[in-house]
Protein backbone atom coordinates (compact mmCIF):
# COMPACT_ATOMS: atom_id res chain seq x y z
CA MET A 1 -79.52 -20.24 17.26
CA PRO A 2 -80.46 -18.36 14.24
CA GLU A 3 -79.46 -14.40 14.91
CA SER A 4 -82.09 -11.86 15.03
CA GLN A 5 -82.79 -10.03 11.16
CA LEU A 6 -84.43 -7.13 10.24
CA ILE A 7 -88.72 -8.90 10.12
CA TYR A 8 -89.59 -7.79 6.21
CA SER A 9 -91.71 -4.64 6.39
CA VAL A 10 -92.57 -1.99 8.74
CA ASN A 11 -96.63 -1.14 8.81
CA ASP A 12 -97.51 1.06 11.53
CA VAL A 13 -95.64 2.77 14.80
CA GLU A 14 -97.66 4.62 17.25
CA LEU A 15 -96.19 5.96 20.61
CA ALA A 16 -97.58 6.80 23.86
CA ILE A 17 -96.24 8.61 26.81
CA LEU A 18 -96.02 6.97 29.65
CA LYS A 19 -97.39 8.91 33.20
CA SER A 20 -94.65 8.50 34.99
CA ASP A 21 -91.66 10.43 36.77
CA PRO A 22 -89.71 11.57 34.83
CA PRO A 23 -91.87 11.24 31.54
CA GLN A 24 -91.24 7.90 29.47
CA LEU A 25 -91.51 6.73 25.76
CA SER A 26 -93.83 4.15 24.96
CA ILE A 27 -92.75 1.93 21.39
CA SER A 28 -95.42 -0.17 19.33
CA ALA A 29 -94.60 -1.27 15.92
CA LYS A 30 -96.68 -4.14 14.31
CA GLY A 31 -95.13 -5.38 11.15
CA GLU A 32 -94.96 -8.77 8.71
CA THR A 33 -92.21 -10.97 8.45
CA ARG A 34 -91.41 -13.61 5.04
CA THR A 35 -92.45 -16.79 6.53
CA GLY A 36 -94.29 -18.03 10.31
CA GLY A 37 -92.61 -18.92 12.60
CA TRP A 38 -90.23 -16.28 13.52
CA THR A 39 -89.09 -15.19 17.73
CA ASN A 40 -88.69 -12.63 19.75
CA PRO A 41 -89.39 -9.54 18.39
CA GLU A 42 -87.64 -6.45 19.28
CA LEU A 43 -87.67 -3.05 18.82
CA VAL A 44 -83.33 -1.92 18.82
CA GLU A 45 -82.31 1.52 19.26
CA ILE A 46 -79.92 2.54 16.98
CA ILE A 47 -77.97 4.50 19.02
CA TYR A 48 -75.82 7.71 17.99
CA VAL A 49 -72.57 9.85 18.68
CA THR A 50 -74.77 13.28 18.59
CA PRO A 51 -78.25 13.53 18.59
CA PRO A 52 -80.09 12.79 15.05
CA ALA A 53 -80.41 16.48 13.27
CA ASP A 54 -84.03 15.82 12.78
CA GLY A 55 -85.11 14.82 16.10
CA ILE A 56 -86.20 11.58 15.05
CA TYR A 57 -84.93 8.66 16.50
CA GLU A 58 -84.48 5.45 15.22
CA TYR A 59 -85.18 1.76 15.97
CA GLU A 60 -84.21 -1.61 13.53
CA PHE A 61 -87.78 -3.84 14.22
CA VAL A 62 -85.88 -7.70 14.61
CA ALA A 63 -86.51 -11.04 14.97
CA THR A 64 -85.21 -14.45 15.38
CA PRO A 65 -86.36 -16.44 12.29
CA PRO A 66 -87.17 -20.08 12.23
CA ASP A 67 -84.36 -22.45 12.08
CA GLY A 68 -86.68 -25.12 10.91
CA PRO A 69 -89.35 -25.58 7.91
CA SER A 70 -92.29 -22.91 8.46
CA THR A 71 -95.27 -21.65 6.71
CA THR A 72 -94.51 -18.93 3.60
CA ALA A 73 -96.77 -16.48 4.20
CA LEU A 74 -96.45 -13.18 5.67
CA THR A 75 -97.54 -13.66 8.95
CA PRO A 76 -97.81 -10.43 11.67
CA ILE A 77 -95.57 -9.50 14.58
CA GLU A 78 -95.61 -6.82 16.99
CA ALA A 79 -93.27 -5.24 19.12
CA GLU A 80 -92.77 -3.18 21.29
CA THR A 81 -89.78 -1.60 23.80
CA VAL A 82 -89.88 1.88 26.00
CA ARG A 83 -87.87 4.83 26.12
CA HIS A 84 -86.99 5.65 30.11
CA SER A 85 -86.27 9.27 29.07
CA ILE A 86 -87.02 11.73 26.35
CA PRO A 87 -84.45 13.89 24.73
CA LYS A 88 -85.30 17.13 24.15
CA GLU A 89 -85.13 17.35 20.93
CA LEU A 90 -87.03 13.83 20.06
CA LYS A 91 -90.02 14.90 17.73
CA GLY A 92 -91.29 11.36 16.86
CA VAL A 93 -89.73 7.66 16.05
CA ARG A 94 -88.23 6.36 13.35
CA VAL A 95 -89.05 2.19 12.49
CA LYS A 96 -87.10 0.16 10.59
CA ALA A 97 -87.38 -3.45 8.37
CA GLU A 98 -85.91 -4.76 5.54
CA THR A 99 -87.73 -3.51 3.04
CA ASN A 100 -89.47 -0.19 4.02
CA SER A 101 -90.08 2.34 7.54
CA LYS A 102 -92.68 4.58 9.21
CA GLU A 103 -92.53 6.69 11.32
CA ALA A 104 -94.50 8.45 13.90
CA LEU A 105 -94.36 11.85 15.19
CA LEU A 106 -95.23 12.95 18.87
């Protein structure tokens, strides 16, 4: 089975504070893959030794490419994750893809 890879591009990132105790951050992203047939889309947090100086936490938008024939058209894909704790210094999120990245600010 192929390893997860960065998707082709990210088009949109949205953040929402969930009403929980403590509050949690919902992160959702929409993007495109180069071909059809990609599976298991996910947002993978990039772990830092020290918090990012600009307060923008980064995630990689990855999915598993097809291991057989597939359509050769840009194909929409979505992923979401929940950050269970919101650091005080968090100002926003940057989601990275193969060809670009998009940010959403709190």
